[in-house]
N, C-alpha and C. Protein backbone atom coordinates (compact mmCIF):
# COMPACT_ATOMS: atom_id res chain seq x y z
N MET A 1 86.51 178.89 181.23
CA MET A 1 87.17 177.76 180.61
C MET A 1 86.69 176.50 181.29
N ALA A 2 86.46 175.50 180.50
CA ALA A 2 86.08 174.21 181.05
C ALA A 2 87.32 173.55 181.62
N THR A 3 87.18 172.94 182.77
CA THR A 3 88.35 172.29 183.35
C THR A 3 87.99 170.92 183.85
N GLY A 4 88.68 169.92 183.33
CA GLY A 4 88.64 168.58 183.87
C GLY A 4 87.43 167.72 183.60
N LYS A 5 86.39 168.22 183.01
CA LYS A 5 85.25 167.36 182.71
C LYS A 5 84.63 167.81 181.40
N LEU A 6 83.85 166.95 180.82
CA LEU A 6 83.27 167.26 179.52
C LEU A 6 81.97 168.04 179.61
N ASP A 7 81.23 167.91 180.69
CA ASP A 7 79.92 168.55 180.79
C ASP A 7 80.10 169.94 181.40
N THR A 8 80.41 170.91 180.55
CA THR A 8 80.63 172.29 180.98
C THR A 8 79.71 173.20 180.20
N PRO A 9 79.54 174.44 180.64
CA PRO A 9 78.72 175.35 179.85
C PRO A 9 79.23 175.47 178.41
N HIS A 10 80.56 175.47 178.23
CA HIS A 10 81.10 175.64 176.89
C HIS A 10 80.95 174.37 176.08
N SER A 11 81.02 173.21 176.71
CA SER A 11 80.87 171.97 175.95
C SER A 11 79.41 171.71 175.60
N ARG A 12 78.49 172.44 176.20
CA ARG A 12 77.08 172.31 175.84
C ARG A 12 76.68 173.39 174.83
N GLY A 13 77.63 174.24 174.42
CA GLY A 13 77.35 175.22 173.38
C GLY A 13 76.74 176.51 173.88
N ALA A 14 76.90 176.83 175.16
CA ALA A 14 76.29 178.04 175.71
C ALA A 14 77.23 179.23 175.56
N CYS A 15 77.58 179.57 174.33
CA CYS A 15 78.43 180.73 174.09
C CYS A 15 77.62 181.99 174.36
N THR A 16 78.26 182.96 174.97
CA THR A 16 77.53 184.13 175.41
C THR A 16 77.91 185.41 174.69
N ALA A 17 78.64 185.33 173.59
CA ALA A 17 79.03 186.53 172.88
C ALA A 17 77.79 187.21 172.31
N PRO A 18 77.70 188.54 172.44
CA PRO A 18 76.54 189.24 171.92
C PRO A 18 76.53 189.24 170.40
N MET A 19 75.33 189.26 169.82
CA MET A 19 75.23 189.39 168.38
C MET A 19 75.53 190.85 168.04
N ALA A 20 76.11 191.10 166.87
CA ALA A 20 76.55 192.43 166.52
C ALA A 20 76.05 192.83 165.14
N PRO A 21 75.70 194.12 164.97
CA PRO A 21 75.43 194.60 163.62
C PRO A 21 76.70 194.45 162.78
N ASP A 22 76.56 194.61 161.47
CA ASP A 22 77.64 194.26 160.56
C ASP A 22 79.00 194.89 160.88
N ASP A 23 79.05 196.16 161.26
CA ASP A 23 80.35 196.79 161.52
C ASP A 23 80.53 197.14 162.99
N ALA A 24 79.71 196.59 163.85
CA ALA A 24 79.85 196.84 165.28
C ALA A 24 81.01 196.02 165.83
N LEU A 25 81.34 196.28 167.07
CA LEU A 25 82.38 195.50 167.73
C LEU A 25 81.91 194.06 167.86
N LYS A 26 82.72 193.13 167.39
CA LYS A 26 82.38 191.71 167.44
C LYS A 26 83.26 191.05 168.48
N THR A 27 82.68 190.13 169.23
CA THR A 27 83.36 189.49 170.36
C THR A 27 83.40 187.98 170.15
N SER A 28 84.59 187.42 170.35
CA SER A 28 84.73 185.97 170.20
C SER A 28 84.07 185.25 171.37
N PHE A 29 84.01 183.94 171.27
CA PHE A 29 83.42 183.09 172.28
C PHE A 29 84.44 182.73 173.36
N PRO A 30 83.97 182.20 174.48
CA PRO A 30 84.91 181.67 175.48
C PRO A 30 85.63 180.44 174.91
N PRO A 31 86.77 180.11 175.48
CA PRO A 31 87.47 178.90 175.01
C PRO A 31 86.69 177.64 175.35
N VAL A 32 86.87 176.63 174.53
CA VAL A 32 86.33 175.30 174.78
C VAL A 32 87.55 174.41 175.02
N THR A 33 87.86 174.18 176.28
CA THR A 33 89.04 173.39 176.66
C THR A 33 88.73 172.64 177.94
N ASN A 34 89.61 171.72 178.27
CA ASN A 34 89.62 171.11 179.59
C ASN A 34 91.07 170.76 179.92
N THR A 35 91.32 170.24 181.09
CA THR A 35 92.71 170.00 181.49
C THR A 35 93.38 168.91 180.66
N ALA A 36 92.61 168.14 179.91
CA ALA A 36 93.18 167.09 179.05
C ALA A 36 93.49 167.59 177.64
N THR A 37 93.25 168.86 177.35
CA THR A 37 93.49 169.40 176.02
C THR A 37 94.96 169.26 175.64
N ARG A 38 95.19 168.61 174.50
CA ARG A 38 96.54 168.42 173.99
C ARG A 38 96.81 169.25 172.74
N VAL A 39 95.77 169.55 171.97
CA VAL A 39 95.89 170.40 170.79
C VAL A 39 94.87 171.52 170.92
N LEU A 40 95.34 172.75 170.81
CA LEU A 40 94.46 173.91 170.86
C LEU A 40 94.38 174.49 169.45
N VAL A 41 93.18 174.43 168.86
CA VAL A 41 92.96 175.00 167.53
C VAL A 41 92.50 176.44 167.73
N LEU A 42 93.25 177.36 167.14
CA LEU A 42 92.95 178.78 167.27
C LEU A 42 92.54 179.36 165.92
N GLY A 43 91.31 179.86 165.85
CA GLY A 43 90.85 180.58 164.68
C GLY A 43 91.15 182.06 164.85
N SER A 44 90.67 182.87 163.94
CA SER A 44 90.88 184.31 164.03
C SER A 44 89.78 184.95 164.87
N LEU A 45 88.58 185.01 164.33
CA LEU A 45 87.40 185.58 164.98
C LEU A 45 86.20 184.90 164.33
N PRO A 46 85.20 184.48 165.11
CA PRO A 46 84.06 183.81 164.48
C PRO A 46 83.42 184.67 163.39
N GLY A 47 82.98 184.01 162.32
CA GLY A 47 82.28 184.69 161.25
C GLY A 47 80.88 185.10 161.69
N ASP A 48 80.23 185.88 160.86
CA ASP A 48 78.90 186.40 161.22
C ASP A 48 77.90 185.29 161.48
N ARG A 49 77.92 184.23 160.70
CA ARG A 49 76.98 183.12 160.91
C ARG A 49 77.22 182.48 162.28
N SER A 50 78.49 182.28 162.62
CA SER A 50 78.82 181.70 163.93
C SER A 50 78.39 182.62 165.06
N LEU A 51 78.63 183.92 164.89
CA LEU A 51 78.22 184.87 165.93
C LEU A 51 76.70 184.86 166.10
N LYS A 52 75.98 184.80 164.98
CA LYS A 52 74.52 184.78 165.04
C LYS A 52 74.02 183.53 165.75
N GLU A 53 74.61 182.38 165.43
CA GLU A 53 74.17 181.11 166.02
C GLU A 53 74.86 180.79 167.34
N ARG A 54 75.87 181.58 167.68
CA ARG A 54 76.64 181.39 168.91
C ARG A 54 77.26 180.00 168.98
N ARG A 55 77.87 179.62 167.87
CA ARG A 55 78.52 178.32 167.75
C ARG A 55 79.79 178.47 166.94
N TYR A 56 80.84 177.82 167.38
CA TYR A 56 82.06 177.79 166.59
C TYR A 56 81.79 177.10 165.25
N TYR A 57 82.31 177.68 164.18
CA TYR A 57 82.28 177.08 162.84
C TYR A 57 80.87 176.67 162.42
N ALA A 58 79.93 177.62 162.53
CA ALA A 58 78.52 177.33 162.24
C ALA A 58 78.17 177.40 160.76
N HIS A 59 78.94 178.10 159.96
CA HIS A 59 78.61 178.22 158.54
C HIS A 59 78.64 176.82 157.91
N PRO A 60 77.58 176.43 157.22
CA PRO A 60 77.52 175.06 156.68
C PRO A 60 78.62 174.76 155.65
N GLN A 61 79.21 175.78 155.05
CA GLN A 61 80.28 175.54 154.09
C GLN A 61 81.67 175.59 154.73
N ASN A 62 81.74 175.92 156.02
CA ASN A 62 83.04 175.88 156.69
C ASN A 62 83.45 174.42 156.81
N GLN A 63 84.68 174.13 156.51
CA GLN A 63 85.16 172.75 156.44
C GLN A 63 85.75 172.25 157.76
N PHE A 64 85.69 173.05 158.81
CA PHE A 64 86.33 172.69 160.07
C PHE A 64 85.91 171.32 160.59
N TRP A 65 84.61 171.09 160.69
CA TRP A 65 84.14 169.84 161.31
C TRP A 65 84.53 168.62 160.48
N ALA A 66 84.56 168.76 159.15
CA ALA A 66 85.00 167.65 158.30
C ALA A 66 86.50 167.40 158.46
N LEU A 67 87.29 168.47 158.52
CA LEU A 67 88.74 168.33 158.64
C LEU A 67 89.15 167.74 159.98
N VAL A 68 88.61 168.29 161.06
CA VAL A 68 88.96 167.77 162.39
C VAL A 68 88.38 166.38 162.57
N GLY A 69 87.19 166.16 162.06
CA GLY A 69 86.59 164.83 162.15
C GLY A 69 87.46 163.78 161.49
N ALA A 70 88.00 164.10 160.33
CA ALA A 70 88.90 163.16 159.65
C ALA A 70 90.15 162.91 160.50
N ALA A 71 90.66 163.94 161.12
CA ALA A 71 91.87 163.80 161.94
C ALA A 71 91.65 162.92 163.16
N VAL A 72 90.44 162.97 163.73
CA VAL A 72 90.17 162.16 164.93
C VAL A 72 89.41 160.87 164.61
N GLY A 73 89.08 160.67 163.33
CA GLY A 73 88.41 159.44 162.92
C GLY A 73 86.95 159.36 163.31
N ARG A 74 86.27 160.53 163.33
CA ARG A 74 84.84 160.55 163.66
C ARG A 74 84.11 161.48 162.71
N ASP A 75 82.87 161.17 162.42
CA ASP A 75 82.04 162.04 161.60
C ASP A 75 81.42 163.11 162.50
N LEU A 76 82.18 164.15 162.77
CA LEU A 76 81.71 165.21 163.67
C LEU A 76 80.58 166.02 163.05
N ALA A 77 80.59 166.17 161.74
CA ALA A 77 79.57 166.99 161.08
C ALA A 77 78.16 166.46 161.29
N SER A 78 78.01 165.16 161.52
CA SER A 78 76.67 164.59 161.69
C SER A 78 76.16 164.72 163.13
N LEU A 79 77.01 165.15 164.04
CA LEU A 79 76.61 165.27 165.45
C LEU A 79 75.95 166.61 165.72
N THR A 80 75.19 166.67 166.80
CA THR A 80 74.67 167.96 167.25
C THR A 80 75.85 168.80 167.73
N TYR A 81 75.66 170.11 167.80
CA TYR A 81 76.75 170.98 168.22
C TYR A 81 77.29 170.61 169.61
N PRO A 82 76.45 170.42 170.61
CA PRO A 82 77.00 170.03 171.92
C PRO A 82 77.79 168.72 171.86
N ASP A 83 77.31 167.77 171.06
CA ASP A 83 78.03 166.50 170.92
C ASP A 83 79.35 166.67 170.17
N ARG A 84 79.39 167.61 169.23
CA ARG A 84 80.66 167.91 168.55
C ARG A 84 81.70 168.40 169.56
N LEU A 85 81.28 169.33 170.41
CA LEU A 85 82.22 169.87 171.41
C LEU A 85 82.67 168.78 172.38
N THR A 86 81.74 167.95 172.80
CA THR A 86 82.09 166.85 173.70
C THR A 86 83.09 165.91 173.03
N ALA A 87 82.86 165.59 171.75
CA ALA A 87 83.78 164.70 171.02
C ALA A 87 85.15 165.34 170.85
N LEU A 88 85.19 166.65 170.59
CA LEU A 88 86.48 167.33 170.47
C LEU A 88 87.26 167.23 171.78
N LEU A 89 86.59 167.57 172.87
CA LEU A 89 87.27 167.53 174.17
C LEU A 89 87.72 166.11 174.51
N ALA A 90 86.89 165.14 174.22
CA ALA A 90 87.26 163.74 174.49
C ALA A 90 88.46 163.31 173.65
N SER A 91 88.63 163.94 172.49
CA SER A 91 89.77 163.63 171.62
C SER A 91 91.03 164.40 172.00
N GLY A 92 90.90 165.33 172.93
CA GLY A 92 92.06 166.13 173.35
C GLY A 92 92.21 167.43 172.59
N ILE A 93 91.16 167.86 171.91
CA ILE A 93 91.22 169.09 171.12
C ILE A 93 90.39 170.18 171.78
N GLY A 94 90.97 171.37 171.87
CA GLY A 94 90.28 172.54 172.38
C GLY A 94 90.16 173.59 171.28
N LEU A 95 89.26 174.56 171.49
CA LEU A 95 89.01 175.62 170.52
C LEU A 95 89.07 176.98 171.19
N TRP A 96 89.56 177.94 170.44
CA TRP A 96 89.43 179.35 170.83
C TRP A 96 89.80 180.18 169.62
N ASP A 97 89.83 181.48 169.81
CA ASP A 97 90.21 182.41 168.75
C ASP A 97 91.32 183.31 169.25
N VAL A 98 92.16 183.78 168.33
CA VAL A 98 93.25 184.67 168.72
C VAL A 98 92.74 186.07 169.01
N ILE A 99 91.62 186.45 168.42
CA ILE A 99 91.06 187.79 168.60
C ILE A 99 89.91 187.74 169.59
N GLY A 100 89.96 188.63 170.58
CA GLY A 100 88.89 188.73 171.56
C GLY A 100 87.77 189.63 171.06
N THR A 101 88.14 190.79 170.54
CA THR A 101 87.17 191.72 169.97
C THR A 101 87.79 192.40 168.76
N ALA A 102 86.94 192.78 167.83
CA ALA A 102 87.40 193.50 166.63
C ALA A 102 86.19 194.09 165.92
N ARG A 103 86.48 195.04 165.08
CA ARG A 103 85.47 195.52 164.14
C ARG A 103 85.74 194.82 162.81
N ARG A 104 84.68 194.39 162.18
CA ARG A 104 84.83 193.71 160.90
C ARG A 104 83.51 193.76 160.17
N GLN A 105 83.53 194.23 158.95
CA GLN A 105 82.33 194.17 158.12
C GLN A 105 82.33 192.82 157.42
N GLY A 106 81.26 192.06 157.62
CA GLY A 106 81.18 190.73 157.05
C GLY A 106 82.03 189.75 157.83
N SER A 107 82.46 188.68 157.15
CA SER A 107 83.18 187.60 157.82
C SER A 107 84.62 187.44 157.34
N ASN A 108 85.06 188.26 156.41
CA ASN A 108 86.38 188.11 155.83
C ASN A 108 87.46 188.63 156.78
N ASP A 109 88.46 187.81 157.05
CA ASP A 109 89.56 188.23 157.93
C ASP A 109 90.26 189.48 157.44
N ALA A 110 90.27 189.71 156.13
CA ALA A 110 90.93 190.88 155.58
C ALA A 110 90.26 192.18 156.03
N ALA A 111 89.02 192.11 156.48
CA ALA A 111 88.29 193.29 156.92
C ALA A 111 88.42 193.55 158.42
N ILE A 112 89.17 192.73 159.14
CA ILE A 112 89.34 192.91 160.59
C ILE A 112 90.11 194.20 160.86
N ARG A 113 89.61 195.00 161.79
CA ARG A 113 90.32 196.21 162.22
C ARG A 113 90.07 196.42 163.70
N ASP A 114 90.91 197.22 164.30
CA ASP A 114 90.79 197.57 165.72
C ASP A 114 90.65 196.33 166.59
N HIS A 115 91.49 195.35 166.36
CA HIS A 115 91.34 194.10 167.12
C HIS A 115 92.07 194.17 168.46
N ARG A 116 91.53 193.43 169.40
CA ARG A 116 92.18 193.19 170.70
C ARG A 116 92.32 191.68 170.82
N ALA A 117 93.54 191.25 171.07
CA ALA A 117 93.81 189.82 171.11
C ALA A 117 93.34 189.19 172.42
N ASN A 118 93.01 187.92 172.36
CA ASN A 118 92.76 187.14 173.57
C ASN A 118 94.08 186.86 174.27
N ASP A 119 94.03 186.58 175.55
CA ASP A 119 95.23 186.28 176.33
C ASP A 119 95.58 184.80 176.13
N LEU A 120 96.24 184.53 175.03
CA LEU A 120 96.56 183.15 174.66
C LEU A 120 97.54 182.51 175.62
N ARG A 121 98.51 183.28 176.06
CA ARG A 121 99.52 182.74 176.97
C ARG A 121 98.87 182.28 178.28
N ALA A 122 97.94 183.08 178.80
CA ALA A 122 97.26 182.70 180.05
C ALA A 122 96.48 181.39 179.88
N LEU A 123 95.81 181.24 178.74
CA LEU A 123 95.08 179.99 178.51
C LEU A 123 96.04 178.82 178.40
N CYS A 124 97.10 178.99 177.64
CA CYS A 124 98.07 177.90 177.48
C CYS A 124 98.66 177.48 178.82
N ASP A 125 98.87 178.44 179.71
CA ASP A 125 99.40 178.13 181.04
C ASP A 125 98.44 177.28 181.86
N GLN A 126 97.16 177.29 181.51
CA GLN A 126 96.15 176.51 182.24
C GLN A 126 95.93 175.12 181.62
N LEU A 127 96.68 174.80 180.59
CA LEU A 127 96.51 173.53 179.89
C LEU A 127 97.78 172.69 180.07
N PRO A 128 97.84 171.90 181.14
CA PRO A 128 99.09 171.21 181.48
C PRO A 128 99.54 170.15 180.47
N HIS A 129 98.63 169.65 179.65
CA HIS A 129 98.98 168.59 178.69
C HIS A 129 99.07 169.11 177.25
N LEU A 130 99.06 170.43 177.09
CA LEU A 130 99.09 171.02 175.76
C LEU A 130 100.39 170.65 175.04
N ARG A 131 100.24 170.09 173.84
CA ARG A 131 101.39 169.67 173.04
C ARG A 131 101.52 170.45 171.74
N ALA A 132 100.40 171.04 171.27
CA ALA A 132 100.46 171.77 170.00
C ALA A 132 99.38 172.84 169.94
N ILE A 133 99.73 173.93 169.29
CA ILE A 133 98.78 174.98 168.93
C ILE A 133 98.65 174.92 167.42
N ALA A 134 97.42 174.77 166.95
CA ALA A 134 97.15 174.69 165.51
C ALA A 134 96.37 175.93 165.10
N PHE A 135 97.01 176.79 164.33
CA PHE A 135 96.36 178.00 163.85
C PHE A 135 95.53 177.67 162.62
N ASN A 136 94.24 178.02 162.68
CA ASN A 136 93.33 177.78 161.57
C ASN A 136 93.41 178.97 160.62
N GLY A 137 94.39 178.95 159.74
CA GLY A 137 94.55 180.01 158.75
C GLY A 137 95.67 180.98 159.05
N ALA A 138 96.04 181.75 158.03
CA ALA A 138 97.17 182.66 158.11
C ALA A 138 96.93 183.82 159.07
N THR A 139 95.72 184.36 159.12
CA THR A 139 95.45 185.48 160.03
C THR A 139 95.59 185.03 161.47
N ALA A 140 95.05 183.88 161.80
CA ALA A 140 95.19 183.36 163.17
C ALA A 140 96.66 183.13 163.49
N ALA A 141 97.43 182.62 162.55
CA ALA A 141 98.85 182.37 162.78
C ALA A 141 99.61 183.67 163.00
N ARG A 142 99.33 184.67 162.20
CA ARG A 142 100.04 185.95 162.31
C ARG A 142 99.76 186.62 163.65
N ILE A 143 98.49 186.72 164.02
CA ILE A 143 98.14 187.38 165.28
C ILE A 143 98.54 186.52 166.46
N GLY A 144 98.32 185.22 166.37
CA GLY A 144 98.68 184.32 167.46
C GLY A 144 100.17 184.31 167.73
N THR A 145 100.97 184.30 166.68
CA THR A 145 102.43 184.33 166.85
C THR A 145 102.87 185.66 167.46
N ALA A 146 102.23 186.75 167.06
CA ALA A 146 102.56 188.05 167.65
C ALA A 146 102.24 188.06 169.15
N GLU A 147 101.16 187.42 169.54
CA GLU A 147 100.77 187.39 170.95
C GLU A 147 101.62 186.43 171.77
N LEU A 148 101.93 185.29 171.22
CA LEU A 148 102.69 184.27 171.95
C LEU A 148 104.19 184.47 171.85
N GLY A 149 104.63 185.23 170.86
CA GLY A 149 106.05 185.37 170.59
C GLY A 149 106.49 184.30 169.61
N ALA A 150 107.54 184.59 168.90
CA ALA A 150 108.01 183.67 167.87
C ALA A 150 108.74 182.47 168.45
N GLN A 151 109.22 182.58 169.67
CA GLN A 151 110.03 181.52 170.27
C GLN A 151 109.18 180.60 171.14
N ASP A 152 109.65 179.38 171.27
CA ASP A 152 109.05 178.40 172.16
C ASP A 152 109.19 178.90 173.60
N ASP A 153 108.19 178.67 174.41
CA ASP A 153 108.21 179.13 175.81
C ASP A 153 108.93 178.16 176.74
N GLY A 154 109.57 177.16 176.19
CA GLY A 154 110.28 176.19 177.02
C GLY A 154 109.49 174.92 177.30
N ARG A 155 108.22 174.90 176.97
CA ARG A 155 107.39 173.71 177.21
C ARG A 155 107.41 172.75 176.03
N GLY A 156 107.99 173.15 174.93
CA GLY A 156 108.04 172.27 173.77
C GLY A 156 106.72 172.17 173.03
N ILE A 157 105.90 173.20 173.10
CA ILE A 157 104.60 173.19 172.43
C ILE A 157 104.81 173.51 170.95
N ALA A 158 104.43 172.59 170.10
CA ALA A 158 104.57 172.77 168.65
C ALA A 158 103.53 173.78 168.16
N ARG A 159 103.85 174.42 167.06
CA ARG A 159 102.91 175.34 166.41
C ARG A 159 102.74 174.92 164.96
N LEU A 160 101.50 174.79 164.57
CA LEU A 160 101.16 174.41 163.20
C LEU A 160 100.32 175.51 162.58
N THR A 161 100.62 175.87 161.36
CA THR A 161 99.75 176.78 160.61
C THR A 161 99.03 175.94 159.56
N LEU A 162 97.72 175.82 159.75
CA LEU A 162 96.89 174.98 158.88
C LEU A 162 96.16 175.84 157.87
N PRO A 163 95.82 175.29 156.71
CA PRO A 163 95.01 176.05 155.75
C PRO A 163 93.65 176.36 156.38
N SER A 164 93.18 177.56 156.13
CA SER A 164 91.91 177.99 156.72
C SER A 164 90.77 177.06 156.32
N SER A 165 89.91 176.77 157.29
CA SER A 165 88.72 175.96 157.02
C SER A 165 87.57 176.81 156.49
N SER A 166 87.76 178.11 156.42
CA SER A 166 86.72 179.04 156.00
C SER A 166 86.24 178.77 154.58
N PRO A 167 84.94 179.00 154.32
CA PRO A 167 84.46 178.87 152.94
C PRO A 167 85.06 179.95 152.04
N LEU A 168 85.62 181.01 152.62
CA LEU A 168 86.27 182.05 151.81
C LEU A 168 87.62 181.57 151.27
N HIS A 169 88.20 180.57 151.89
CA HIS A 169 89.44 179.94 151.42
C HIS A 169 89.00 178.77 150.54
N THR A 170 88.97 178.99 149.24
CA THR A 170 88.22 178.13 148.32
C THR A 170 88.88 176.80 147.97
N VAL A 171 89.98 176.48 148.58
CA VAL A 171 90.61 175.18 148.34
C VAL A 171 89.73 174.10 148.97
N GLY A 172 89.59 172.98 148.31
CA GLY A 172 88.73 171.91 148.80
C GLY A 172 89.30 171.15 149.98
N VAL A 173 88.44 170.38 150.62
CA VAL A 173 88.82 169.58 151.79
C VAL A 173 89.97 168.65 151.46
N ALA A 174 89.93 168.00 150.31
CA ALA A 174 90.97 167.02 149.96
C ALA A 174 92.36 167.66 149.94
N ALA A 175 92.46 168.90 149.48
CA ALA A 175 93.75 169.58 149.43
C ALA A 175 94.22 170.02 150.81
N LYS A 176 93.29 170.33 151.70
CA LYS A 176 93.64 170.79 153.05
C LYS A 176 93.90 169.64 154.02
N LEU A 177 93.30 168.51 153.75
CA LEU A 177 93.31 167.40 154.70
C LEU A 177 94.70 166.92 155.12
N PRO A 178 95.66 166.78 154.22
CA PRO A 178 96.98 166.31 154.68
C PRO A 178 97.59 167.21 155.76
N ASP A 179 97.43 168.52 155.64
CA ASP A 179 97.94 169.43 156.67
C ASP A 179 97.19 169.26 157.99
N TRP A 180 95.87 169.15 157.91
CA TRP A 180 95.06 169.01 159.12
C TRP A 180 95.30 167.67 159.82
N MET A 181 95.65 166.65 159.07
CA MET A 181 95.91 165.34 159.68
C MET A 181 97.11 165.38 160.63
N ALA A 182 97.95 166.38 160.50
CA ALA A 182 99.14 166.50 161.36
C ALA A 182 98.78 166.64 162.83
N ILE A 183 97.58 167.10 163.14
CA ILE A 183 97.23 167.25 164.56
C ILE A 183 97.14 165.90 165.27
N ARG A 184 96.92 164.83 164.50
CA ARG A 184 96.86 163.49 165.11
C ARG A 184 98.13 163.14 165.85
N ASP A 185 99.27 163.61 165.35
CA ASP A 185 100.55 163.29 165.98
C ASP A 185 100.65 163.78 167.42
N PHE A 186 99.83 164.74 167.79
CA PHE A 186 99.91 165.34 169.12
C PHE A 186 98.80 164.88 170.06
N LEU A 187 97.94 164.00 169.58
CA LEU A 187 96.80 163.57 170.38
C LEU A 187 97.06 162.31 171.19
N ASN A 188 98.09 161.57 170.89
CA ASN A 188 98.37 160.31 171.60
C ASN A 188 99.29 160.53 172.79
């Protein structure tokens, strides 16, 4: 985990998850966070394109960078991947996935099986300024809530379930944007 500065292995895009054949065990990336993280966006498990490129939200049709960019007022999609991560961290946003490993044919969350969750509680405990957890899609929300528990841990950390940014969730950016803009409330 990156702590306290922007120039970290994770903020430079050095994800080390192995590439996997289509139905092999797939492994998520390390978290992209620092001690200033105020909003933690949790996806389910990187899609095949992301795993191949070793980058969060690498599929060109994934709407994540456009949605988060609108929320922070920056055109993140036009930046290089390392600069995107740096801009996210500078804005107070961190990234990770609720699933550490799973078997999945293709990139559809509905095909996930034999999953092992990431230790979300341990990561949250290392983020002293965390104000909100934003689940990117229903699968991330379901698994994340099961791991974190349905109740607040006493820190007052809000939980948001956002429409999936995946290209498999065919609703357009304009329809998803109002929900994603809610993360702005936790960044100040």
